[in-house]
């Protein structure tokens, strides 16, 4: 994994977490709250899981276990 991939995944994770809140908010307009939570939960869990993965990957890079390669400009 290089720096560009790491940053791209970070933006995707952030977008997924925000998307889960948007889904929750808009679905509350038409369905009960529990159903809205059920609709938004998978997106939020995937986003949170990606955040956890990125945290562990950054920690492994900081400790030198698995460094993140620098991006090569061509």
PDB file of N, CA and C in Angstrom:
ATOM      1  N   UNK A   1       0.857  -1.170   0.000  1.00  0.00           N
ATOM      2  CA  UNK A   1       0.000   0.000   0.000  1.00  0.00           C
ATOM      3  C   UNK A   1       0.898   1.226   0.000  1.00  0.00           C
ATOM      4  N   UNK A   2       0.597   2.169  -0.897  1.00  0.00           N
ATOM      5  CA  UNK A   2       1.360   3.400  -0.897  1.00  0.00           C
ATOM      6  C   UNK A   2       0.520   4.523  -0.292  1.00  0.00           C
ATOM      7  N   UNK A   3       1.105   5.707  -0.211  1.00  0.00           N
ATOM      8  CA  UNK A   3       0.437   6.826   0.440  1.00  0.00           C
ATOM      9  C   UNK A   3      -0.857   7.223  -0.268  1.00  0.00           C
ATOM     10  N   UNK A   4      -0.851   7.176  -1.585  1.00  0.00           N
ATOM     11  CA  UNK A   4      -2.057   7.552  -2.321  1.00  0.00           C
ATOM     12  C   UNK A   4      -3.223   6.614  -2.007  1.00  0.00           C
ATOM     13  N   UNK A   5      -2.941   5.322  -1.947  1.00  0.00           N
ATOM     14  CA  UNK A   5      -3.992   4.355  -1.609  1.00  0.00           C
ATOM     15  C   UNK A   5      -4.505   4.576  -0.194  1.00  0.00           C
ATOM     16  N   UNK A   6      -3.599   4.875   0.725  1.00  0.00           N
ATOM     17  CA  UNK A   6      -3.990   5.101   2.119  1.00  0.00           C
ATOM     18  C   UNK A   6      -4.918   6.311   2.222  1.00  0.00           C
ATOM     19  N   UNK A   7      -4.547   7.403   1.564  1.00  0.00           N
ATOM     20  CA  UNK A   7      -5.370   8.614   1.617  1.00  0.00           C
ATOM     21  C   UNK A   7      -6.711   8.376   0.932  1.00  0.00           C
ATOM     22  N   UNK A   8      -6.699   7.657  -0.187  1.00  0.00           N
ATOM     23  CA  UNK A   8      -7.942   7.348  -0.899  1.00  0.00           C
ATOM     24  C   UNK A   8      -8.887   6.545   0.000  1.00  0.00           C
ATOM     25  N   UNK A   9      -8.343   5.549   0.691  1.00  0.00           N
ATOM     26  CA  UNK A   9      -9.166   4.749   1.608  1.00  0.00           C
ATOM     27  C   UNK A   9      -9.674   5.582   2.777  1.00  0.00           C
ATOM     28  N   UNK A  10      -8.866   6.536   3.237  1.00  0.00           N
ATOM     29  CA  UNK A  10      -9.312   7.408   4.331  1.00  0.00           C
ATOM     30  C   UNK A  10     -10.493   8.267   3.891  1.00  0.00           C
ATOM     31  N   UNK A  11     -10.435   8.803   2.679  1.00  0.00           N
ATOM     32  CA  UNK A  11     -11.563   9.584   2.171  1.00  0.00           C
ATOM     33  C   UNK A  11     -12.803   8.718   1.986  1.00  0.00           C
ATOM     34  N   UNK A  12     -12.620   7.507   1.519  1.00  0.00           N
ATOM     35  CA  UNK A  12     -13.752   6.586   1.347  1.00  0.00           C
ATOM     36  C   UNK A  12     -14.382   6.271   2.702  1.00  0.00           C
ATOM     37  N   UNK A  13     -13.551   6.014   3.717  1.00  0.00           N
ATOM     38  CA  UNK A  13     -14.060   5.724   5.055  1.00  0.00           C
ATOM     39  C   UNK A  13     -14.846   6.912   5.598  1.00  0.00           C
ATOM     40  N   UNK A  14     -14.299   8.104   5.441  1.00  0.00           N
ATOM     41  CA  UNK A  14     -14.987   9.305   5.909  1.00  0.00           C
ATOM     42  C   UNK A  14     -16.320   9.468   5.175  1.00  0.00           C
ATOM     43  N   UNK A  15     -16.311   9.246   3.873  1.00  0.00           N
ATOM     44  CA  UNK A  15     -17.538   9.359   3.091  1.00  0.00           C
ATOM     45  C   UNK A  15     -18.589   8.341   3.499  1.00  0.00           C
ATOM     46  N   UNK A  16     -18.164   7.122   3.800  1.00  0.00           N
ATOM     47  CA  UNK A  16     -19.121   6.094   4.217  1.00  0.00           C
ATOM     48  C   UNK A  16     -19.768   6.429   5.558  1.00  0.00           C
ATOM     49  N   UNK A  17     -18.983   6.946   6.485  1.00  0.00           N
ATOM     50  CA  UNK A  17     -19.550   7.313   7.788  1.00  0.00           C
ATOM     51  C   UNK A  17     -20.545   8.456   7.628  1.00  0.00           C
ATOM     52  N   UNK A  18     -20.188   9.464   6.842  1.00  0.00           N
ATOM     53  CA  UNK A  18     -21.116  10.572   6.588  1.00  0.00           C
ATOM     54  C   UNK A  18     -22.365  10.070   5.867  1.00  0.00           C
ATOM     55  N   UNK A  19     -22.168   9.175   4.888  1.00  0.00           N
ATOM     56  CA  UNK A  19     -23.303   8.615   4.140  1.00  0.00           C
ATOM     57  C   UNK A  19     -24.262   7.868   5.067  1.00  0.00           C
ATOM     58  N   UNK A  20     -23.741   7.183   6.066  1.00  0.00           N
ATOM     59  CA  UNK A  20     -24.630   6.469   6.987  1.00  0.00           C
ATOM     60  C   UNK A  20     -25.521   7.439   7.760  1.00  0.00           C
ATOM     61  N   UNK A  21     -24.966   8.610   8.136  1.00  0.00           N
ATOM     62  CA  UNK A  21     -25.788   9.607   8.818  1.00  0.00           C
ATOM     63  C   UNK A  21     -26.825  10.203   7.876  1.00  0.00           C
ATOM     64  N   UNK A  22     -26.471  10.401   6.621  1.00  0.00           N
ATOM     65  CA  UNK A  22     -27.415  10.925   5.638  1.00  0.00           C
ATOM     66  C   UNK A  22     -28.540   9.922   5.402  1.00  0.00           C
ATOM     67  N   UNK A  23     -28.185   8.659   5.260  1.00  0.00           N
ATOM     68  CA  UNK A  23     -29.202   7.617   5.082  1.00  0.00           C
ATOM     69  C   UNK A  23     -30.132   7.572   6.286  1.00  0.00           C
ATOM     70  N   UNK A  24     -29.561   7.642   7.478  1.00  0.00           N
ATOM     71  CA  UNK A  24     -30.370   7.623   8.692  1.00  0.00           C
ATOM     72  C   UNK A  24     -31.333   8.809   8.719  1.00  0.00           C
ATOM     73  N   UNK A  25     -30.824   9.980   8.413  1.00  0.00           N
ATOM     74  CA  UNK A  25     -31.670  11.179   8.466  1.00  0.00           C
ATOM     75  C   UNK A  25     -32.799  11.170   7.454  1.00  0.00           C
ATOM     76  N   UNK A  26     -32.476  10.839   6.210  1.00  0.00           N
ATOM     77  CA  UNK A  26     -33.506  10.862   5.184  1.00  0.00           C
ATOM     78  C   UNK A  26     -34.486   9.703   5.315  1.00  0.00           C
ATOM     79  N   UNK A  27     -34.013   8.555   5.748  1.00  0.00           N
ATOM     80  CA  UNK A  27     -34.942   7.431   5.875  1.00  0.00           C
ATOM     81  C   UNK A  27     -35.877   7.606   7.072  1.00  0.00           C
ATOM     82  N   UNK A  28     -35.478   8.419   8.044  1.00  0.00           N
ATOM     83  CA  UNK A  28     -36.376   8.689   9.178  1.00  0.00           C
ATOM     84  C   UNK A  28     -37.608   9.463   8.741  1.00  0.00           C
ATOM     85  N   UNK A  29     -37.514  10.113   7.592  1.00  0.00           N
ATOM     86  CA  UNK A  29     -38.664  10.874   7.104  1.00  0.00           C
ATOM     87  C   UNK A  29     -39.792   9.968   6.631  1.00  0.00           C
ATOM     88  N   UNK A  30     -39.464   8.737   6.207  1.00  0.00           N
ATOM     89  CA  UNK A  30     -40.481   7.865   5.626  1.00  0.00           C
ATOM     90  C   UNK A  30     -40.706   6.575   6.397  1.00  0.00           C
ATOM     91  N   UNK A  31     -39.759   6.143   7.211  1.00  0.00           N
ATOM     92  CA  UNK A  31     -39.906   4.893   7.956  1.00  0.00           C
ATOM     93  C   UNK A  31     -39.625   5.152   9.435  1.00  0.00           C
ATOM     94  N   UNK A  32     -40.055   4.257  10.309  1.00  0.00           N
ATOM     95  CA  UNK A  32     -39.770   4.425  11.740  1.00  0.00           C
ATOM     96  C   UNK A  32     -38.263   4.424  12.022  1.00  0.00           C
ATOM     97  N   UNK A  33     -37.917   4.939  13.194  1.00  0.00           N
ATOM     98  CA  UNK A  33     -36.514   5.129  13.566  1.00  0.00           C
ATOM     99  C   UNK A  33     -35.728   3.823  13.563  1.00  0.00           C
ATOM    100  N   UNK A  34     -36.299   2.764  14.091  1.00  0.00           N
ATOM    101  CA  UNK A  34     -35.580   1.473  14.137  1.00  0.00           C
ATOM    102  C   UNK A  34     -35.276   0.946  12.736  1.00  0.00           C
ATOM    103  N   UNK A  35     -36.216   1.122  11.818  1.00  0.00           N
ATOM    104  CA  UNK A  35     -35.990   0.686  10.440  1.00  0.00           C
ATOM    105  C   UNK A  35     -34.904   1.555   9.800  1.00  0.00           C
ATOM    106  N   UNK A  36     -34.927   2.860  10.097  1.00  0.00           N
ATOM    107  CA  UNK A  36     -33.901   3.763   9.565  1.00  0.00           C
ATOM    108  C   UNK A  36     -32.521   3.368  10.079  1.00  0.00           C
ATOM    109  N   UNK A  37     -32.440   2.997  11.343  1.00  0.00           N
ATOM    110  CA  UNK A  37     -31.156   2.530  11.889  1.00  0.00           C
ATOM    111  C   UNK A  37     -30.698   1.259  11.190  1.00  0.00           C
ATOM    112  N   UNK A  38     -31.629   0.372  10.929  1.00  0.00           N
ATOM    113  CA  UNK A  38     -31.298  -0.879  10.244  1.00  0.00           C
ATOM    114  C   UNK A  38     -30.796  -0.618   8.829  1.00  0.00           C
ATOM    115  N   UNK A  39     -31.336   0.383   8.160  1.00  0.00           N
ATOM    116  CA  UNK A  39     -30.892   0.720   6.810  1.00  0.00           C
ATOM    117  C   UNK A  39     -29.509   1.381   6.805  1.00  0.00           C
ATOM    118  N   UNK A  40     -29.234   2.204   7.806  1.00  0.00           N
ATOM    119  CA  UNK A  40     -27.977   2.953   7.845  1.00  0.00           C
ATOM    120  C   UNK A  40     -26.827   2.160   8.466  1.00  0.00           C
ATOM    121  N   UNK A  41     -27.140   1.155   9.260  1.00  0.00           N
ATOM    122  CA  UNK A  41     -26.102   0.434  10.002  1.00  0.00           C
ATOM    123  C   UNK A  41     -25.048  -0.238   9.128  1.00  0.00           C
ATOM    124  N   UNK A  42     -25.405  -0.938   8.057  1.00  0.00           N
ATOM    125  CA  UNK A  42     -24.348  -1.607   7.277  1.00  0.00           C
ATOM    126  C   UNK A  42     -23.312  -0.637   6.705  1.00  0.00           C
ATOM    127  N   UNK A  43     -23.764   0.505   6.232  1.00  0.00           N
ATOM    128  CA  UNK A  43     -22.832   1.488   5.673  1.00  0.00           C
ATOM    129  C   UNK A  43     -21.923   2.037   6.771  1.00  0.00           C
ATOM    130  N   UNK A  44     -22.493   2.318   7.934  1.00  0.00           N
ATOM    131  CA  UNK A  44     -21.704   2.823   9.049  1.00  0.00           C
ATOM    132  C   UNK A  44     -20.707   1.809   9.565  1.00  0.00           C
ATOM    133  N   UNK A  45     -21.105   0.559   9.619  1.00  0.00           N
ATOM    134  CA  UNK A  45     -20.202  -0.494  10.109  1.00  0.00           C
ATOM    135  C   UNK A  45     -19.041  -0.697   9.133  1.00  0.00           C
ATOM    136  N   UNK A  46     -19.329  -0.670   7.854  1.00  0.00           N
ATOM    137  CA  UNK A  46     -18.254  -0.809   6.862  1.00  0.00           C
ATOM    138  C   UNK A  46     -17.288   0.374   6.969  1.00  0.00           C
ATOM    139  N   UNK A  47     -17.821   1.580   7.092  1.00  0.00           N
ATOM    140  CA  UNK A  47     -16.969   2.764   7.245  1.00  0.00           C
ATOM    141  C   UNK A  47     -16.139   2.702   8.504  1.00  0.00           C
ATOM    142  N   UNK A  48     -16.742   2.287   9.612  1.00  0.00           N
ATOM    143  CA  UNK A  48     -16.014   2.178  10.869  1.00  0.00           C
ATOM    144  C   UNK A  48     -14.949   1.087  10.789  1.00  0.00           C
ATOM    145  N   UNK A  49     -15.278  -0.024  10.152  1.00  0.00           N
ATOM    146  CA  UNK A  49     -14.294  -1.094   9.980  1.00  0.00           C
ATOM    147  C   UNK A  49     -13.104  -0.632   9.156  1.00  0.00           C
ATOM    148  N   UNK A  50     -13.365   0.169   8.137  1.00  0.00           N
ATOM    149  CA  UNK A  50     -12.280   0.709   7.327  1.00  0.00           C
ATOM    150  C   UNK A  50     -11.421   1.675   8.133  1.00  0.00           C
ATOM    151  N   UNK A  51     -12.031   2.456   8.987  1.00  0.00           N
ATOM    152  CA  UNK A  51     -11.275   3.359   9.867  1.00  0.00           C
ATOM    153  C   UNK A  51     -10.384   2.556  10.809  1.00  0.00           C
ATOM    154  N   UNK A  52     -10.908   1.489  11.372  1.00  0.00           N
ATOM    155  CA  UNK A  52     -10.114   0.638  12.265  1.00  0.00           C
ATOM    156  C   UNK A  52      -8.943   0.022  11.507  1.00  0.00           C
ATOM    157  N   UNK A  53      -9.203  -0.483  10.286  1.00  0.00           N
ATOM    158  CA  UNK A  53      -8.123  -1.042   9.470  1.00  0.00           C
ATOM    159  C   UNK A  53      -7.044  -0.005   9.193  1.00  0.00           C
ATOM    160  N   UNK A  54      -7.456   1.211   8.825  1.00  0.00           N
ATOM    161  CA  UNK A  54      -6.478   2.256   8.529  1.00  0.00           C
ATOM    162  C   UNK A  54      -5.684   2.647   9.768  1.00  0.00           C
ATOM    163  N   UNK A  55      -6.335   2.653  10.926  1.00  0.00           N
ATOM    164  CA  UNK A  55      -5.621   2.948  12.170  1.00  0.00           C
ATOM    165  C   UNK A  55      -4.571   1.885  12.453  1.00  0.00           C
ATOM    166  N   UNK A  56      -4.961   0.616  12.318  1.00  0.00           N
ATOM    167  CA  UNK A  56      -4.003  -0.464  12.556  1.00  0.00           C
ATOM    168  C   UNK A  56      -2.871  -0.426  11.533  1.00  0.00           C
ATOM    169  N   UNK A  57      -3.206  -0.108  10.278  1.00  0.00           N
ATOM    170  CA  UNK A  57      -2.177  -0.040   9.226  1.00  0.00           C
ATOM    171  C   UNK A  57      -1.217   1.113   9.486  1.00  0.00           C
ATOM    172  N   UNK A  58      -1.735   2.254   9.936  1.00  0.00           N
ATOM    173  CA  UNK A  58      -0.875   3.397  10.256  1.00  0.00           C
ATOM    174  C   UNK A  58      -0.013   3.106  11.475  1.00  0.00           C
ATOM    175  N   UNK A  59      -0.566   2.401  12.450  1.00  0.00           N
ATOM    176  CA  UNK A  59       0.206   2.024  13.635  1.00  0.00           C
ATOM    177  C   UNK A  59       1.326   1.059  13.255  1.00  0.00           C
ATOM    178  N   UNK A  60       1.025   0.103  12.387  1.00  0.00           N
ATOM    179  CA  UNK A  60       2.059  -0.828  11.932  1.00  0.00           C
ATOM    180  C   UNK A  60       3.139  -0.090  11.150  1.00  0.00           C
ATOM    181  N   UNK A  61       2.757   0.910  10.400  1.00  0.00           N
ATOM    182  CA  UNK A  61       3.749   1.690   9.657  1.00  0.00           C
ATOM    183  C   UNK A  61       4.602   2.537  10.598  1.00  0.00           C
ATOM    184  N   UNK A  62       3.976   3.118  11.605  1.00  0.00           N
ATOM    185  CA  UNK A  62       4.722   3.960  12.553  1.00  0.00           C
ATOM    186  C   UNK A  62       5.710   3.152  13.379  1.00  0.00           C
ATOM    187  N   UNK A  63       5.378   1.915  13.680  1.00  0.00           N
ATOM    188  CA  UNK A  63       6.277   1.079  14.463  1.00  0.00           C
ATOM    189  C   UNK A  63       7.320   0.381  13.592  1.00  0.00           C
ATOM    190  N   UNK A  64       7.166   0.485  12.277  1.00  0.00           N
ATOM    191  CA  UNK A  64       8.137  -0.107  11.371  1.00  0.00           C
ATOM    192  C   UNK A  64       7.845  -1.541  10.978  1.00  0.00           C
ATOM    193  N   UNK A  65       6.721  -2.075  11.390  1.00  0.00           N
ATOM    194  CA  UNK A  65       6.365  -3.455  11.061  1.00  0.00           C
ATOM    195  C   UNK A  65       6.054  -3.595   9.567  1.00  0.00           C
ATOM    196  N   UNK A  66       5.225  -2.701   9.053  1.00  0.00           N
ATOM    197  CA  UNK A  66       4.836  -2.741   7.633  1.00  0.00           C
ATOM    198  C   UNK A  66       4.760  -1.306   7.117  1.00  0.00           C
ATOM    199  N   UNK A  67       5.880  -0.769   6.659  1.00  0.00           N
ATOM    200  CA  UNK A  67       5.885   0.634   6.232  1.00  0.00           C
ATOM    201  C   UNK A  67       4.984   0.889   5.022  1.00  0.00           C
ATOM    202  N   UNK A  68       4.434   2.076   4.979  1.00  0.00           N
ATOM    203  CA  UNK A  68       3.635   2.512   3.838  1.00  0.00           C
ATOM    204  C   UNK A  68       4.598   3.188   2.869  1.00  0.00           C
ATOM    205  N   UNK A  69       4.638   2.679   1.644  1.00  0.00           N
ATOM    206  CA  UNK A  69       5.585   3.200   0.665  1.00  0.00           C
ATOM    207  C   UNK A  69       5.187   4.608   0.229  1.00  0.00           C
ATOM    208  N   UNK A  70       6.185   5.399  -0.117  1.00  0.00           N
ATOM    209  CA  UNK A  70       5.927   6.731  -0.631  1.00  0.00           C
ATOM    210  C   UNK A  70       5.438   6.625  -2.063  1.00  0.00           C
ATOM    211  N   UNK A  71       4.601   7.560  -2.457  1.00  0.00           N
ATOM    212  CA  UNK A  71       4.074   7.571  -3.814  1.00  0.00           C
ATOM    213  C   UNK A  71       5.182   7.958  -4.791  1.00  0.00           C
ATOM    214  N   UNK A  72       5.192   7.310  -5.935  1.00  0.00           N
ATOM    215  CA  UNK A  72       6.191   7.586  -6.948  1.00  0.00           C
ATOM    216  C   UNK A  72       5.511   8.366  -8.069  1.00  0.00           C
ATOM    217  N   UNK A  73       5.977   9.572  -8.315  1.00  0.00           N
ATOM    218  CA  UNK A  73       5.430  10.398  -9.394  1.00  0.00           C
ATOM    219  C   UNK A  73       6.170  10.065 -10.680  1.00  0.00           C
ATOM    220  N   UNK A  74       5.414   9.876 -11.736  1.00  0.00           N
ATOM    221  CA  UNK A  74       6.049   9.552 -13.020  1.00  0.00           C
ATOM    222  C   UNK A  74       5.914  10.671 -13.995  1.00  0.00           C
TER     223      UNK A  74
END
